[in-house]
Amino acid sequence: MEERLQKILSARGMVSRRGAERWLEAGRITVNGCTARIGDKADPQRDDIRVDGRPLPAPDRRTYLMLNKPRGYVTTLSDEKGRRTVAQLVAGCGARVWPVGRLDLDSEGLLLLTDDGELTQKLLHPSHEVEKEYHVWVEGNVARGLPILRGPLSLDGAPLRPARVEVLGANLLSVTIHEGRNRQVRRMCAAAGLEVRRLRRVREGGLTLGGLKPGCWRPLTPEELSQLLDAEK
């Protein structure tokens, strides 16, 4: 099946789609011996696609998972205290994967796991400030706390980028942040005089939890993997 070259290169883990466009503009990509241009399509099963004269690598066999982490699990591969770990939840995936980022013991929701060390480093680098959206059930005076949550806040002496906070229902907030500080949303709510009763991450960048049930996981789709690559800074 023919697809745009940007999508093919991104799905093979070579470069983001924007990066592939730059490669195309530079004339680095050929299809069946002809220099390709932005907008060109090809079938990787049929066509000879090359970058700088070298054929594409085989399809990436690395593993990329989305887990709906339940409360009561630690985001580690093992735990010296004998607590349940996210590694136990994905033990049947066929690969040794590790979590990308963290969700604390009492938090739940979207967690990425992979065996791709290069992508892990890129996603965890401080320059990679991808949006993370949380649904937060709180107790306290929400009307009084909202201006504080939406205003300038600092943690550990460092300023935070303003959060986007929306009221979804009685004592239920949507909080979108860009950094990934330790227990950031809980500490922001505490600064606003609100006590967090439940916290669930529902989105990271363009990836959404959807209807994935707690404790269940699924592989990322090629489109979702491309979104992660496109989000690189």
C-alpha atoms as a PDB file:
ATOM      1  CA  MET A   1       0.000   0.000   0.000  1.00  0.00           C
ATOM      2  CA  GLU A   2       1.349   3.408  -0.973  1.00  0.00           C
ATOM      3  CA  GLU A   3       1.953   5.950   1.785  1.00  0.00           C
ATOM      4  CA  ARG A   4       3.636   9.323   1.969  1.00  0.00           C
ATOM      5  CA  LEU A   5       7.376   8.991   2.354  1.00  0.00           C
ATOM      6  CA  GLN A   6       7.347  11.085   5.534  1.00  0.00           C
ATOM      7  CA  LYS A   7       5.051   8.550   7.181  1.00  0.00           C
ATOM      8  CA  ILE A   8       7.130   5.570   6.014  1.00  0.00           C
ATOM      9  CA  LEU A   9      10.392   7.000   7.360  1.00  0.00           C
ATOM     10  CA  SER A  10       8.784   7.987  10.643  1.00  0.00           C
ATOM     11  CA  ALA A  11       7.212   4.550  11.111  1.00  0.00           C
ATOM     12  CA  ARG A  12      10.646   2.961  10.632  1.00  0.00           C
ATOM     13  CA  GLY A  13      11.927   5.086  13.525  1.00  0.00           C
ATOM     14  CA  MET A  14      14.436   6.952  11.344  1.00  0.00           C
ATOM     15  CA  VAL A  15      13.225  10.510  11.744  1.00  0.00           C
ATOM     16  CA  SER A  16      10.137  12.571  12.541  1.00  0.00           C
ATOM     17  CA  ARG A  17       7.815  13.554   9.717  1.00  0.00           C
ATOM     18  CA  ARG A  18       9.088  17.127   9.828  1.00  0.00           C
ATOM     19  CA  GLY A  19      12.633  15.807   9.690  1.00  0.00           C
ATOM     20  CA  ALA A  20      11.722  13.632   6.705  1.00  0.00           C
ATOM     21  CA  GLU A  21      10.441  16.714   4.903  1.00  0.00           C
ATOM     22  CA  ARG A  22      13.849  18.347   5.382  1.00  0.00           C
ATOM     23  CA  TRP A  23      15.523  15.221   4.008  1.00  0.00           C
ATOM     24  CA  LEU A  24      13.236  15.342   0.977  1.00  0.00           C
ATOM     25  CA  GLU A  25      13.985  19.016   0.406  1.00  0.00           C
ATOM     26  CA  ALA A  26      17.704  18.209   0.547  1.00  0.00           C
ATOM     27  CA  GLY A  27      17.312  15.470  -2.070  1.00  0.00           C
ATOM     28  CA  ARG A  28      18.532  12.730   0.266  1.00  0.00           C
ATOM     29  CA  ILE A  29      15.719  10.288  -0.505  1.00  0.00           C
ATOM     30  CA  THR A  30      15.253   8.289  -3.687  1.00  0.00           C
ATOM     31  CA  VAL A  31      12.505   5.936  -4.838  1.00  0.00           C
ATOM     32  CA  ASN A  32      13.471   3.395  -7.489  1.00  0.00           C
ATOM     33  CA  GLY A  33      16.537   5.485  -8.322  1.00  0.00           C
ATOM     34  CA  CYS A  34      14.691   8.796  -8.706  1.00  0.00           C
ATOM     35  CA  THR A  35      15.015  11.708  -6.299  1.00  0.00           C
ATOM     36  CA  ALA A  36      11.822  12.021  -4.276  1.00  0.00           C
ATOM     37  CA  ARG A  37       9.991  15.218  -3.410  1.00  0.00           C
ATOM     38  CA  ILE A  38       7.634  16.288  -0.622  1.00  0.00           C
ATOM     39  CA  GLY A  39       4.220  14.747  -1.267  1.00  0.00           C
ATOM     40  CA  ASP A  40       5.561  11.684  -3.074  1.00  0.00           C
ATOM     41  CA  LYS A  41       4.227   8.282  -2.100  1.00  0.00           C
ATOM     42  CA  ALA A  42       5.689   4.802  -2.240  1.00  0.00           C
ATOM     43  CA  ASP A  43       5.007   1.211  -1.229  1.00  0.00           C
ATOM     44  CA  PRO A  44       7.804  -0.053   1.039  1.00  0.00           C
ATOM     45  CA  GLN A  45       6.933  -3.640   0.077  1.00  0.00           C
ATOM     46  CA  ARG A  46       7.348  -2.934  -3.635  1.00  0.00           C
ATOM     47  CA  ASP A  47       9.543   0.125  -4.111  1.00  0.00           C
ATOM     48  CA  ASP A  48      13.274   0.583  -3.509  1.00  0.00           C
ATOM     49  CA  ILE A  49      13.392   3.474  -1.006  1.00  0.00           C
ATOM     50  CA  ARG A  50      16.817   4.777  -0.031  1.00  0.00           C
ATOM     51  CA  VAL A  51      18.249   7.503   2.199  1.00  0.00           C
ATOM     52  CA  ASP A  52      21.687   8.766   1.132  1.00  0.00           C
ATOM     53  CA  GLY A  53      21.931   5.712  -1.104  1.00  0.00           C
ATOM     54  CA  ARG A  54      21.269   3.238   1.707  1.00  0.00           C
ATOM     55  CA  PRO A  55      18.100   1.103   1.785  1.00  0.00           C
ATOM     56  CA  LEU A  56      15.600   1.537   4.582  1.00  0.00           C
ATOM     57  CA  PRO A  57      16.191  -0.551   7.711  1.00  0.00           C
ATOM     58  CA  ALA A  58      13.869  -3.452   8.373  1.00  0.00           C
ATOM     59  CA  PRO A  59      10.638  -2.548  10.160  1.00  0.00           C
ATOM     60  CA  ASP A  60      11.300  -1.627  13.776  1.00  0.00           C
ATOM     61  CA  ARG A  61      10.793  -4.611  16.049  1.00  0.00           C
ATOM     62  CA  ARG A  62      11.019  -2.618  19.223  1.00  0.00           C
ATOM     63  CA  THR A  63       8.057  -2.545  21.542  1.00  0.00           C
ATOM     64  CA  TYR A  64       5.951   0.521  22.349  1.00  0.00           C
ATOM     65  CA  LEU A  65       3.061   0.111  24.773  1.00  0.00           C
ATOM     66  CA  MET A  66       0.357   2.198  26.378  1.00  0.00           C
ATOM     67  CA  LEU A  67      -0.744   1.026  29.826  1.00  0.00           C
ATOM     68  CA  ASN A  68      -3.674   2.212  31.893  1.00  0.00           C
ATOM     69  CA  LYS A  69      -1.872   2.098  35.225  1.00  0.00           C
ATOM     70  CA  PRO A  70      -4.172   1.397  38.186  1.00  0.00           C
ATOM     71  CA  ARG A  71      -3.661   2.875  41.611  1.00  0.00           C
ATOM     72  CA  GLY A  72      -1.543   0.781  43.946  1.00  0.00           C
ATOM     73  CA  TYR A  73       1.239   0.002  41.448  1.00  0.00           C
ATOM     74  CA  VAL A  74       4.709   1.573  41.471  1.00  0.00           C
ATOM     75  CA  THR A  75       6.251   2.757  38.225  1.00  0.00           C
ATOM     76  CA  THR A  76       9.364   0.586  38.421  1.00  0.00           C
ATOM     77  CA  LEU A  77      10.564  -2.777  37.136  1.00  0.00           C
ATOM     78  CA  SER A  78      11.095  -4.115  40.665  1.00  0.00           C
ATOM     79  CA  ASP A  79      10.457  -2.855  44.182  1.00  0.00           C
ATOM     80  CA  GLU A  80      12.517  -3.542  47.289  1.00  0.00           C
ATOM     81  CA  LYS A  81       9.392  -3.144  49.433  1.00  0.00           C
ATOM     82  CA  GLY A  82       7.555  -5.904  47.612  1.00  0.00           C
ATOM     83  CA  ARG A  83       4.906  -3.615  46.166  1.00  0.00           C
ATOM     84  CA  ARG A  84       3.154  -4.400  42.897  1.00  0.00           C
ATOM     85  CA  THR A  85       4.898  -2.958  39.827  1.00  0.00           C
ATOM     86  CA  VAL A  86       3.839  -1.938  36.335  1.00  0.00           C
ATOM     87  CA  ALA A  87       6.299  -4.530  35.005  1.00  0.00           C
ATOM     88  CA  GLN A  88       3.995  -7.238  36.346  1.00  0.00           C
ATOM     89  CA  LEU A  89       1.083  -5.796  34.367  1.00  0.00           C
ATOM     90  CA  VAL A  90       2.934  -5.974  31.014  1.00  0.00           C
ATOM     91  CA  ALA A  91       4.811  -9.241  31.661  1.00  0.00           C
ATOM     92  CA  GLY A  92       3.068 -10.884  28.729  1.00  0.00           C
ATOM     93  CA  CYS A  93       4.096  -8.346  26.091  1.00  0.00           C
ATOM     94  CA  GLY A  94       7.034 -10.448  24.857  1.00  0.00           C
ATOM     95  CA  ALA A  95       9.774  -7.892  25.547  1.00  0.00           C
ATOM     96  CA  ARG A  96      11.599  -6.337  28.487  1.00  0.00           C
ATOM     97  CA  VAL A  97      10.145  -2.854  28.545  1.00  0.00           C
ATOM     98  CA  TRP A  98      10.516  -0.009  31.017  1.00  0.00           C
ATOM     99  CA  PRO A  99       8.303   2.983  31.883  1.00  0.00           C
ATOM    100  CA  VAL A 100       8.834   6.352  30.206  1.00  0.00           C
ATOM    101  CA  GLY A 101       8.321   8.819  33.023  1.00  0.00           C
ATOM    102  CA  ARG A 102       6.441   8.110  36.225  1.00  0.00           C
ATOM    103  CA  LEU A 103       3.061   8.011  37.888  1.00  0.00           C
ATOM    104  CA  ASP A 104       3.165   7.812  41.667  1.00  0.00           C
ATOM    105  CA  LEU A 105       1.683   4.924  43.644  1.00  0.00           C
ATOM    106  CA  ASP A 106      -1.708   6.594  44.165  1.00  0.00           C
ATOM    107  CA  SER A 107      -2.042   7.968  40.620  1.00  0.00           C
ATOM    108  CA  GLU A 108      -3.445   6.164  37.619  1.00  0.00           C
ATOM    109  CA  GLY A 109      -3.851   6.449  33.888  1.00  0.00           C
ATOM    110  CA  LEU A 110      -1.764   6.689  30.747  1.00  0.00           C
ATOM    111  CA  LEU A 111       1.796   5.370  31.021  1.00  0.00           C
ATOM    112  CA  LEU A 112       4.139   4.643  28.119  1.00  0.00           C
ATOM    113  CA  LEU A 113       6.532   1.678  28.205  1.00  0.00           C
ATOM    114  CA  THR A 114       9.178   0.720  25.650  1.00  0.00           C
ATOM    115  CA  ASP A 115      12.492  -1.026  25.059  1.00  0.00           C
ATOM    116  CA  ASP A 116      13.718   1.862  22.874  1.00  0.00           C
ATOM    117  CA  GLY A 117      16.423   3.603  24.882  1.00  0.00           C
ATOM    118  CA  GLU A 118      17.011   6.387  22.371  1.00  0.00           C
ATOM    119  CA  LEU A 119      13.357   7.411  22.274  1.00  0.00           C
ATOM    120  CA  THR A 120      13.156   7.186  26.079  1.00  0.00           C
ATOM    121  CA  GLN A 121      16.044   9.644  26.454  1.00  0.00           C
ATOM    122  CA  LYS A 122      14.470  12.067  23.996  1.00  0.00           C
ATOM    123  CA  LEU A 123      11.087  11.979  25.711  1.00  0.00           C
ATOM    124  CA  LEU A 124      12.586  12.442  29.176  1.00  0.00           C
ATOM    125  CA  HIS A 125      14.965  15.243  28.189  1.00  0.00           C
ATOM    126  CA  PRO A 126      14.086  18.559  29.931  1.00  0.00           C
ATOM    127  CA  SER A 127      13.608  20.254  26.540  1.00  0.00           C
ATOM    128  CA  HIS A 128      10.785  17.827  25.709  1.00  0.00           C
ATOM    129  CA  GLU A 129       7.900  19.659  27.372  1.00  0.00           C
ATOM    130  CA  VAL A 130       4.998  17.641  25.990  1.00  0.00           C
ATOM    131  CA  GLU A 131       1.534  18.464  27.300  1.00  0.00           C
ATOM    132  CA  LYS A 132       0.147  16.098  29.920  1.00  0.00           C
ATOM    133  CA  GLU A 133      -3.532  16.245  30.827  1.00  0.00           C
ATOM    134  CA  TYR A 134      -4.900  14.925  34.115  1.00  0.00           C
ATOM    135  CA  HIS A 135      -8.389  14.497  35.490  1.00  0.00           C
ATOM    136  CA  VAL A 136      -8.207  15.465  39.139  1.00  0.00           C
ATOM    137  CA  TRP A 137     -10.881  14.878  41.785  1.00  0.00           C
ATOM    138  CA  VAL A 138     -10.348  17.367  44.618  1.00  0.00           C
ATOM    139  CA  GLU A 139     -11.768  18.515  47.927  1.00  0.00           C
ATOM    140  CA  GLY A 140     -11.750  22.137  49.014  1.00  0.00           C
ATOM    141  CA  ASN A 141     -12.814  25.538  47.737  1.00  0.00           C
ATOM    142  CA  VAL A 142     -12.417  25.115  43.977  1.00  0.00           C
ATOM    143  CA  ALA A 143     -13.506  28.675  43.147  1.00  0.00           C
ATOM    144  CA  ARG A 144     -10.801  30.049  45.416  1.00  0.00           C
ATOM    145  CA  GLY A 145      -8.175  27.611  44.197  1.00  0.00           C
ATOM    146  CA  LEU A 146      -8.657  28.094  40.439  1.00  0.00           C
ATOM    147  CA  PRO A 147      -6.877  31.467  40.135  1.00  0.00           C
ATOM    148  CA  ILE A 148      -3.907  30.030  42.010  1.00  0.00           C
ATOM    149  CA  LEU A 149      -3.731  26.933  39.802  1.00  0.00           C
ATOM    150  CA  ARG A 150      -3.966  29.027  36.650  1.00  0.00           C
ATOM    151  CA  GLY A 151      -1.580  31.714  37.811  1.00  0.00           C
ATOM    152  CA  PRO A 152       2.206  31.754  38.152  1.00  0.00           C
ATOM    153  CA  LEU A 153       3.455  28.938  40.376  1.00  0.00           C
ATOM    154  CA  SER A 154       6.889  27.705  41.378  1.00  0.00           C
ATOM    155  CA  LEU A 155       8.124  24.365  42.686  1.00  0.00           C
ATOM    156  CA  ASP A 156      11.465  23.962  44.420  1.00  0.00           C
ATOM    157  CA  GLY A 157      12.279  27.553  43.539  1.00  0.00           C
ATOM    158  CA  ALA A 158      11.789  27.059  39.782  1.00  0.00           C
ATOM    159  CA  PRO A 159       8.873  28.688  37.924  1.00  0.00           C
ATOM    160  CA  LEU A 160       6.310  26.510  36.154  1.00  0.00           C
ATOM    161  CA  ARG A 161       4.697  27.241  32.828  1.00  0.00           C
ATOM    162  CA  PRO A 162       1.063  28.289  33.429  1.00  0.00           C
ATOM    163  CA  ALA A 163      -1.250  25.304  33.596  1.00  0.00           C
ATOM    164  CA  ARG A 164      -4.510  25.067  31.676  1.00  0.00           C
ATOM    165  CA  VAL A 165      -7.253  24.260  34.172  1.00  0.00           C
ATOM    166  CA  GLU A 166     -10.879  23.545  33.302  1.00  0.00           C
ATOM    167  CA  VAL A 167     -13.804  22.584  35.525  1.00  0.00           C
ATOM    168  CA  LEU A 168     -15.371  19.334  34.284  1.00  0.00           C
ATOM    169  CA  GLY A 169     -17.844  18.793  37.108  1.00  0.00           C
ATOM    170  CA  ALA A 170     -18.393  19.055  40.825  1.00  0.00           C
ATOM    171  CA  ASN A 171     -14.888  18.882  42.331  1.00  0.00           C
ATOM    172  CA  LEU A 172     -13.517  17.459  39.057  1.00  0.00           C
ATOM    173  CA  LEU A 173     -10.815  19.394  37.189  1.00  0.00           C
ATOM    174  CA  SER A 174      -8.863  18.943  33.981  1.00  0.00           C
ATOM    175  CA  VAL A 175      -5.285  20.101  34.578  1.00  0.00           C
ATOM    176  CA  THR A 176      -2.844  20.303  31.650  1.00  0.00           C
ATOM    177  CA  ILE A 177       0.843  20.840  32.388  1.00  0.00           C
ATOM    178  CA  HIS A 178       4.026  20.875  30.311  1.00  0.00           C
ATOM    179  CA  GLU A 179       6.726  19.842  32.767  1.00  0.00           C
ATOM    180  CA  GLY A 180       7.054  16.558  34.609  1.00  0.00           C
ATOM    181  CA  ARG A 181       8.143  17.559  38.113  1.00  0.00           C
ATOM    182  CA  ASN A 182       7.821  15.065  40.938  1.00  0.00           C
ATOM    183  CA  ARG A 183       4.154  14.881  42.053  1.00  0.00           C
ATOM    184  CA  GLN A 184       3.644  18.195  40.273  1.00  0.00           C
ATOM    185  CA  VAL A 185      -0.144  18.253  40.003  1.00  0.00           C
ATOM    186  CA  ARG A 186      -0.621  17.171  43.612  1.00  0.00           C
ATOM    187  CA  ARG A 187       1.780  19.859  44.826  1.00  0.00           C
ATOM    188  CA  MET A 188       0.095  22.520  42.666  1.00  0.00           C
ATOM    189  CA  CYS A 189      -3.280  21.603  44.120  1.00  0.00           C
ATOM    190  CA  ALA A 190      -1.868  21.712  47.649  1.00  0.00           C
ATOM    191  CA  ALA A 191      -0.568  25.236  46.958  1.00  0.00           C
ATOM    192  CA  ALA A 192      -4.109  26.168  45.884  1.00  0.00           C
ATOM    193  CA  GLY A 193      -5.629  24.775  49.087  1.00  0.00           C
ATOM    194  CA  LEU A 194      -7.089  21.698  47.392  1.00  0.00           C
ATOM    195  CA  GLU A 195      -6.705  18.077  48.449  1.00  0.00           C
ATOM    196  CA  VAL A 196      -6.396  15.539  45.643  1.00  0.00           C
ATOM    197  CA  ARG A 197      -8.674  12.541  46.141  1.00  0.00           C
ATOM    198  CA  ARG A 198      -7.984  10.892  42.805  1.00  0.00           C
ATOM    199  CA  LEU A 199      -5.659  11.672  39.881  1.00  0.00           C
ATOM    200  CA  ARG A 200      -5.698  10.106  36.428  1.00  0.00           C
ATOM    201  CA  ARG A 201      -3.521  10.993  33.433  1.00  0.00           C
ATOM    202  CA  VAL A 202      -5.678  10.868  30.305  1.00  0.00           C
ATOM    203  CA  ARG A 203      -3.429  12.386  27.631  1.00  0.00           C
ATOM    204  CA  GLU A 204       0.244  12.780  26.818  1.00  0.00           C
ATOM    205  CA  GLY A 205       0.895  14.897  23.749  1.00  0.00           C
ATOM    206  CA  GLY A 206      -1.378  13.533  21.035  1.00  0.00           C
ATOM    207  CA  LEU A 207      -1.841  10.157  22.749  1.00  0.00           C
ATOM    208  CA  THR A 208      -5.070   9.626  24.659  1.00  0.00           C
ATOM    209  CA  LEU A 209      -6.069   6.899  27.083  1.00  0.00           C
ATOM    210  CA  GLY A 210      -9.432   6.360  25.417  1.00  0.00           C
ATOM    211  CA  GLY A 211     -11.362   3.319  26.570  1.00  0.00           C
ATOM    212  CA  LEU A 212      -8.365   1.288  27.704  1.00  0.00           C
ATOM    213  CA  LYS A 213      -9.388  -0.425  30.940  1.00  0.00           C
ATOM    214  CA  PRO A 214      -7.362  -0.121  34.167  1.00  0.00           C
ATOM    215  CA  GLY A 215      -4.575  -2.681  34.304  1.00  0.00           C
ATOM    216  CA  CYS A 216      -4.727  -3.307  30.552  1.00  0.00           C
ATOM    217  CA  TRP A 217      -2.181  -2.404  27.879  1.00  0.00           C
ATOM    218  CA  ARG A 218      -1.958  -2.279  24.106  1.00  0.00           C
ATOM    219  CA  PRO A 219       0.768  -1.628  21.508  1.00  0.00           C
ATOM    220  CA  LEU A 220       0.979   1.862  20.077  1.00  0.00           C
ATOM    221  CA  THR A 221      -0.253   2.196  16.519  1.00  0.00           C
ATOM    222  CA  PRO A 222       2.174   3.382  13.791  1.00  0.00           C
ATOM    223  CA  GLU A 223       0.332   6.711  13.803  1.00  0.00           C
ATOM    224  CA  GLU A 224       0.805   7.108  17.560  1.00  0.00           C
ATOM    225  CA  LEU A 225       4.502   6.281  17.284  1.00  0.00           C
ATOM    226  CA  SER A 226       4.821   8.909  14.560  1.00  0.00           C
ATOM    227  CA  GLN A 227       3.218  11.452  16.903  1.00  0.00           C
ATOM    228  CA  LEU A 228       5.858  10.704  19.530  1.00  0.00           C
ATOM    229  CA  LEU A 229       8.634  11.200  16.988  1.00  0.00           C
ATOM    230  CA  ASP A 230       7.034  14.381  15.667  1.00  0.00           C
ATOM    231  CA  ALA A 231       6.877  15.764  19.210  1.00  0.00           C
ATOM    232  CA  GLU A 232      10.657  15.629  19.627  1.00  0.00           C
ATOM    233  CA  LYS A 233      12.297  18.972  20.303  1.00  0.00           C
END
